[in-house]
Amino acid sequence: METIFDADAALAAAVWFSQTAGSLAVYLIAGVLPCFLWLAFYLKRDRHPEPKSEITKVFLLGGLMTAPAVAIEIFLINIVNSFGFPEAVALLLANIMAIAFVEEYAKYFAVWVREQAAQQNRHLDEPVDFVIYMTAAALGFAAVENLLFLLPSVREQIFSGSDLLTAGGAAVLVWLSLFRSLTAILLHTLCSGMVGYYMAMAFCRRKRKAGILFQGFVLVSCLHGLYNFSIMKSEENALFLFIPLAIILFLALNLYTRFKKLLAMKSVCKM
């Protein structure tokens, strides 16, 4: 049986494959690059840089924690909604208890191993290291979250015959990603940085450790949840947008002040 080679079809398939591969490359770069830039920014603040291998492991583990976090969030949101609270109350509770707390604890879990091994880990030798590790975990988590957020736009453009390699196609992803780098991604780093501060303060205070960490989780979960809630409600009333801006400013100023405090400390065992 003679096989007929269709050169036009093969060329069309090759063009489609190259365009799709290029579009996915644009998608990955747009989704992950802002997280790498923020990571570089925070690492520059550390006077005694951590090993790149350690930072990479925590970053990747933070990314891996996204999947179980989403599954747990869906489960808890259904539980909150089952109580029959008024819509606004249920939305606020779901954002604080089912989303914010789960995400903050997931990022903390990515660093938990480093805290447990602190006595044997010669690299974890400064209080500020907890903030650095938590930030790395947060950016790994935010990178996967950002890719998931951008995915519908990519899918729509590819299946509609558009090409992300064009200036217009790439601009959509870049704009969305840059916007999130100053909002959702920044929020993740600030919240986790605050948790890192409480981890540092609790490290050598074993008797008060649980209380100190609980205080940190309550603070960042409430602020994170209120941020999410306000973003959702801003679709109905634009005035709600002032709340997320105020939360980011509050967290940024607080983390800056506490980061300076940690920098003044000599070691994790002299707090």
Protein backbone atom coordinates (compact mmCIF):
# COMPACT_ATOMS: atom_id res chain seq x y z
CA MET A 1 0.00 0.00 0.00
CA GLU A 2 1.51 3.33 -1.03
CA THR A 3 1.78 5.96 1.65
CA ILE A 4 1.09 9.49 0.48
CA PHE A 5 3.11 12.11 2.33
CA ASP A 6 1.15 15.31 2.69
CA ALA A 7 3.83 18.01 2.87
CA ASP A 8 1.33 20.81 3.45
CA ALA A 9 -0.25 19.03 6.39
CA ALA A 10 3.15 18.26 7.88
CA LEU A 11 4.22 21.87 7.51
CA ALA A 12 0.99 23.11 9.07
CA ALA A 13 1.46 20.71 12.00
CA ALA A 14 5.05 21.88 12.46
CA VAL A 15 3.97 25.52 12.43
CA TRP A 16 1.18 24.83 14.93
CA PHE A 17 3.56 22.93 17.21
CA SER A 18 6.20 25.67 17.12
CA GLN A 19 3.62 28.39 17.77
CA THR A 20 2.07 26.44 20.63
CA ALA A 21 5.48 25.68 22.16
CA GLY A 22 6.44 29.33 21.84
CA SER A 23 3.15 30.45 23.36
CA LEU A 24 3.59 28.09 26.30
CA ALA A 25 7.12 29.44 26.79
CA VAL A 26 5.72 32.98 26.94
CA TYR A 27 3.09 31.75 29.40
CA LEU A 28 5.65 30.10 31.70
CA ILE A 29 7.98 33.09 31.63
CA ALA A 30 5.18 35.56 32.29
CA GLY A 31 3.84 33.44 35.14
CA VAL A 32 7.09 32.64 36.94
CA LEU A 33 9.42 35.57 36.20
CA PRO A 34 7.78 38.02 38.66
CA CYS A 35 8.28 35.48 41.45
CA PHE A 36 11.97 35.10 40.59
CA LEU A 37 12.37 38.88 40.58
CA TRP A 38 10.75 39.20 44.01
CA LEU A 39 12.90 36.33 45.29
CA ALA A 40 16.06 38.09 44.09
CA PHE A 41 14.86 41.26 45.83
CA TYR A 42 14.38 39.54 49.19
CA LEU A 43 17.61 37.54 48.96
CA LYS A 44 19.52 40.79 48.51
CA ARG A 45 18.27 41.86 51.93
CA ASP A 46 20.09 38.92 53.59
CA ARG A 47 23.59 39.93 54.67
CA HIS A 48 24.69 36.27 54.80
CA PRO A 49 23.03 34.64 51.76
CA GLU A 50 21.58 31.17 52.13
CA PRO A 51 22.81 28.34 49.88
CA LYS A 52 21.01 28.39 46.53
CA SER A 53 20.24 24.68 46.91
CA GLU A 54 18.36 25.31 50.15
CA ILE A 55 16.39 28.20 48.68
CA THR A 56 15.56 26.16 45.59
CA LYS A 57 14.26 23.23 47.67
CA VAL A 58 12.01 25.48 49.75
CA PHE A 59 10.79 27.32 46.62
CA LEU A 60 9.88 24.05 44.90
CA LEU A 61 8.24 22.62 48.01
CA GLY A 62 6.19 25.79 48.32
CA GLY A 63 5.02 25.24 44.76
CA LEU A 64 4.14 21.61 45.44
CA MET A 65 2.00 22.63 48.41
CA THR A 66 -0.40 24.44 46.06
CA ALA A 67 -2.26 21.27 45.03
CA PRO A 68 -3.11 19.95 48.53
CA ALA A 69 -3.91 23.49 49.65
CA VAL A 70 -6.50 23.92 46.89
CA ALA A 71 -8.08 20.53 47.70
CA ILE A 72 -8.37 21.40 51.40
CA GLU A 73 -9.73 24.87 50.60
CA ILE A 74 -12.55 23.43 48.47
CA PHE A 75 -13.45 21.00 51.25
CA LEU A 76 -13.50 23.71 53.95
CA ILE A 77 -15.40 26.20 51.78
CA ASN A 78 -18.19 23.63 51.39
CA ILE A 79 -18.27 23.17 55.16
CA VAL A 80 -18.50 26.93 55.79
CA ASN A 81 -21.27 27.28 53.21
CA SER A 82 -23.22 24.42 54.80
CA PHE A 83 -23.86 26.47 57.96
CA GLY A 84 -26.20 28.81 56.13
CA PHE A 85 -24.56 32.09 57.14
CA PRO A 86 -25.56 35.29 55.30
CA GLU A 87 -23.71 35.55 51.98
CA ALA A 88 -21.26 38.27 53.06
CA VAL A 89 -20.48 36.54 56.36
CA ALA A 90 -19.95 33.17 54.65
CA LEU A 91 -17.68 34.78 52.05
CA LEU A 92 -15.57 36.50 54.71
CA LEU A 93 -15.29 33.37 56.88
CA ALA A 94 -14.43 31.22 53.87
CA ASN A 95 -11.68 33.60 52.81
CA ILE A 96 -10.15 33.77 56.29
CA MET A 97 -10.57 30.22 57.59
CA ALA A 98 -10.79 28.09 54.45
CA ILE A 99 -8.46 29.94 52.11
CA ALA A 100 -6.06 32.32 53.86
CA PHE A 101 -5.26 30.10 56.85
CA VAL A 102 -4.78 27.02 54.67
CA GLU A 103 -2.48 28.84 52.28
CA GLU A 104 -0.41 30.41 55.06
CA TYR A 105 -0.04 27.06 56.80
CA ALA A 106 0.86 25.34 53.51
CA LYS A 107 3.70 27.81 52.99
CA TYR A 108 4.77 27.38 56.60
CA PHE A 109 4.81 23.60 56.14
CA ALA A 110 7.28 24.02 53.27
CA VAL A 111 9.71 25.59 55.76
CA TRP A 112 8.80 23.40 58.72
CA VAL A 113 11.51 20.86 57.92
CA ARG A 114 14.13 23.59 57.98
CA GLU A 115 12.94 24.72 61.42
CA GLN A 116 13.01 21.18 62.75
CA ALA A 117 16.56 20.72 61.49
CA ALA A 118 17.76 24.11 62.68
CA GLN A 119 20.02 22.68 65.38
CA GLN A 120 21.86 20.59 62.77
CA ASN A 121 21.61 23.10 59.92
CA ARG A 122 24.64 25.39 60.05
CA HIS A 123 23.07 27.66 57.42
CA LEU A 124 20.05 28.58 59.57
CA ASP A 125 22.11 30.80 61.84
CA GLU A 126 20.23 34.12 61.86
CA PRO A 127 16.69 35.10 62.87
CA VAL A 128 16.22 36.77 59.49
CA ASP A 129 16.73 33.39 57.79
CA PHE A 130 13.20 32.39 58.80
CA VAL A 131 11.81 35.35 56.84
CA ILE A 132 13.99 34.46 53.83
CA TYR A 133 12.89 30.81 53.82
CA MET A 134 9.23 31.72 54.28
CA THR A 135 9.46 34.20 51.44
CA ALA A 136 11.01 31.58 49.18
CA ALA A 137 8.19 29.14 50.00
CA ALA A 138 5.60 31.87 49.41
CA LEU A 139 7.04 32.70 45.99
CA GLY A 140 7.06 29.03 44.99
CA PHE A 141 3.41 28.84 46.02
CA ALA A 142 2.62 32.13 44.24
CA ALA A 143 4.37 30.99 41.05
CA VAL A 144 2.07 27.97 40.68
CA GLU A 145 -0.95 30.04 41.69
CA ASN A 146 -0.01 32.65 39.08
CA LEU A 147 0.30 30.02 36.37
CA LEU A 148 -3.15 28.70 37.28
CA PHE A 149 -4.57 32.23 37.20
CA LEU A 150 -3.12 32.90 33.72
CA LEU A 151 -4.09 29.50 32.31
CA PRO A 152 -7.62 30.45 31.12
CA SER A 153 -6.22 33.36 29.10
CA VAL A 154 -3.62 31.10 27.50
CA ARG A 155 -6.14 28.39 26.71
CA GLU A 156 -8.56 30.89 25.20
CA GLN A 157 -5.90 32.45 22.96
CA ILE A 158 -4.42 29.15 21.78
CA PHE A 159 -7.74 27.48 20.99
CA SER A 160 -9.13 30.61 19.36
CA GLY A 161 -6.27 30.56 16.89
CA SER A 162 -4.43 33.51 18.45
CA ASP A 163 -0.72 33.41 19.08
CA LEU A 164 0.89 34.51 22.33
CA LEU A 165 4.07 35.19 20.39
CA THR A 166 2.45 38.25 18.87
CA ALA A 167 2.91 41.55 20.68
CA GLY A 168 -0.78 41.72 21.59
CA GLY A 169 -0.99 38.14 22.83
CA ALA A 170 2.10 38.38 24.99
CA ALA A 171 1.10 41.81 26.32
CA VAL A 172 -2.06 40.39 27.88
CA LEU A 173 -0.15 37.84 29.93
CA VAL A 174 2.66 40.23 30.83
CA TRP A 175 0.20 42.89 31.99
CA LEU A 176 -1.80 40.42 34.08
CA SER A 177 1.34 38.95 35.61
CA LEU A 178 2.88 42.34 36.40
CA PHE A 179 -0.38 43.46 37.99
CA ARG A 180 -0.43 40.35 40.19
CA SER A 181 3.24 40.85 41.09
CA LEU A 182 2.23 44.08 42.82
CA THR A 183 -0.92 42.64 44.36
CA ALA A 184 -1.46 38.91 45.02
CA ILE A 185 2.19 37.84 44.73
CA LEU A 186 3.36 40.72 46.91
CA LEU A 187 0.65 39.85 49.45
CA HIS A 188 1.94 36.26 49.64
CA THR A 189 5.49 37.42 50.34
CA LEU A 190 4.43 39.94 52.97
CA CYS A 191 2.15 37.51 54.80
CA SER A 192 4.73 34.72 54.79
CA GLY A 193 7.45 37.17 55.77
CA MET A 194 5.38 38.09 58.83
CA VAL A 195 4.94 34.40 59.68
CA GLY A 196 8.71 34.06 59.32
CA TYR A 197 9.15 36.86 61.85
CA TYR A 198 6.94 35.06 64.36
CA MET A 199 8.83 31.81 63.70
CA ALA A 200 12.09 33.58 64.49
CA MET A 201 10.69 35.10 67.69
CA ALA A 202 9.31 31.73 68.78
CA PHE A 203 12.37 29.64 67.93
CA CYS A 204 14.17 29.90 71.27
CA ARG A 205 11.06 30.53 73.33
CA ARG A 206 9.90 26.93 73.41
CA LYS A 207 7.40 27.42 76.22
CA ARG A 208 5.64 30.23 74.32
CA LYS A 209 6.26 28.89 70.82
CA ALA A 210 2.71 27.70 70.14
CA GLY A 211 1.17 30.95 71.35
CA ILE A 212 3.56 33.12 69.35
CA LEU A 213 3.00 31.14 66.14
CA PHE A 214 -0.77 31.15 66.71
CA GLN A 215 -0.68 34.92 67.05
CA GLY A 216 1.19 35.22 63.78
CA PHE A 217 -1.15 32.89 61.90
CA VAL A 218 -4.25 34.67 63.20
CA LEU A 219 -2.88 38.07 62.15
CA VAL A 220 -1.83 37.13 58.62
CA SER A 221 -4.86 34.90 58.00
CA CYS A 222 -7.26 37.70 58.94
CA LEU A 223 -5.43 40.23 56.79
CA HIS A 224 -5.04 37.81 53.87
CA GLY A 225 -8.69 36.78 54.08
CA LEU A 226 -9.89 40.37 54.36
CA TYR A 227 -7.77 41.22 51.31
CA ASN A 228 -9.40 38.45 49.25
CA PHE A 229 -12.87 39.39 50.50
CA SER A 230 -12.38 43.06 49.60
CA ILE A 231 -11.14 42.21 46.11
CA MET A 232 -14.28 40.15 45.52
CA LYS A 233 -16.60 42.82 46.92
CA SER A 234 -14.90 45.53 44.86
CA GLU A 235 -16.77 44.18 41.82
CA GLU A 236 -19.90 45.54 43.47
CA ASN A 237 -18.36 48.66 45.03
CA ALA A 238 -14.99 50.09 43.94
CA LEU A 239 -14.48 51.65 47.37
CA PHE A 240 -13.54 48.20 48.66
CA LEU A 241 -10.28 48.51 46.68
CA PHE A 242 -8.91 50.84 49.36
CA ILE A 243 -8.87 47.97 51.86
CA PRO A 244 -6.39 45.77 49.90
CA LEU A 245 -4.13 48.78 49.36
CA ALA A 246 -4.22 49.58 53.07
CA ILE A 247 -3.48 45.94 53.97
CA ILE A 248 -0.45 45.75 51.66
CA LEU A 249 0.87 49.07 53.00
CA PHE A 250 0.34 47.95 56.61
CA LEU A 251 2.09 44.62 56.04
CA ALA A 252 4.96 46.21 54.11
CA LEU A 253 5.68 48.76 56.83
CA ASN A 254 5.37 46.18 59.60
CA LEU A 255 7.58 43.63 57.87
CA TYR A 256 10.20 46.31 57.10
CA THR A 257 10.31 47.33 60.77
CA ARG A 258 10.45 43.76 62.05
CA PHE A 259 13.00 42.75 59.43
CA LYS A 260 15.28 45.51 60.72
CA LYS A 261 14.77 44.17 64.23
CA LEU A 262 15.77 40.67 63.18
CA LEU A 263 18.85 41.98 61.39
CA ALA A 264 20.03 43.47 64.68
CA MET A 265 19.96 40.06 66.37
CA LYS A 266 23.15 38.00 66.33
CA SER A 267 21.80 34.47 66.11
CA VAL A 268 18.66 32.39 66.56
CA CYS A 269 19.89 31.26 69.96
CA LYS A 270 20.39 34.76 71.35
CA MET A 271 16.84 36.03 71.16
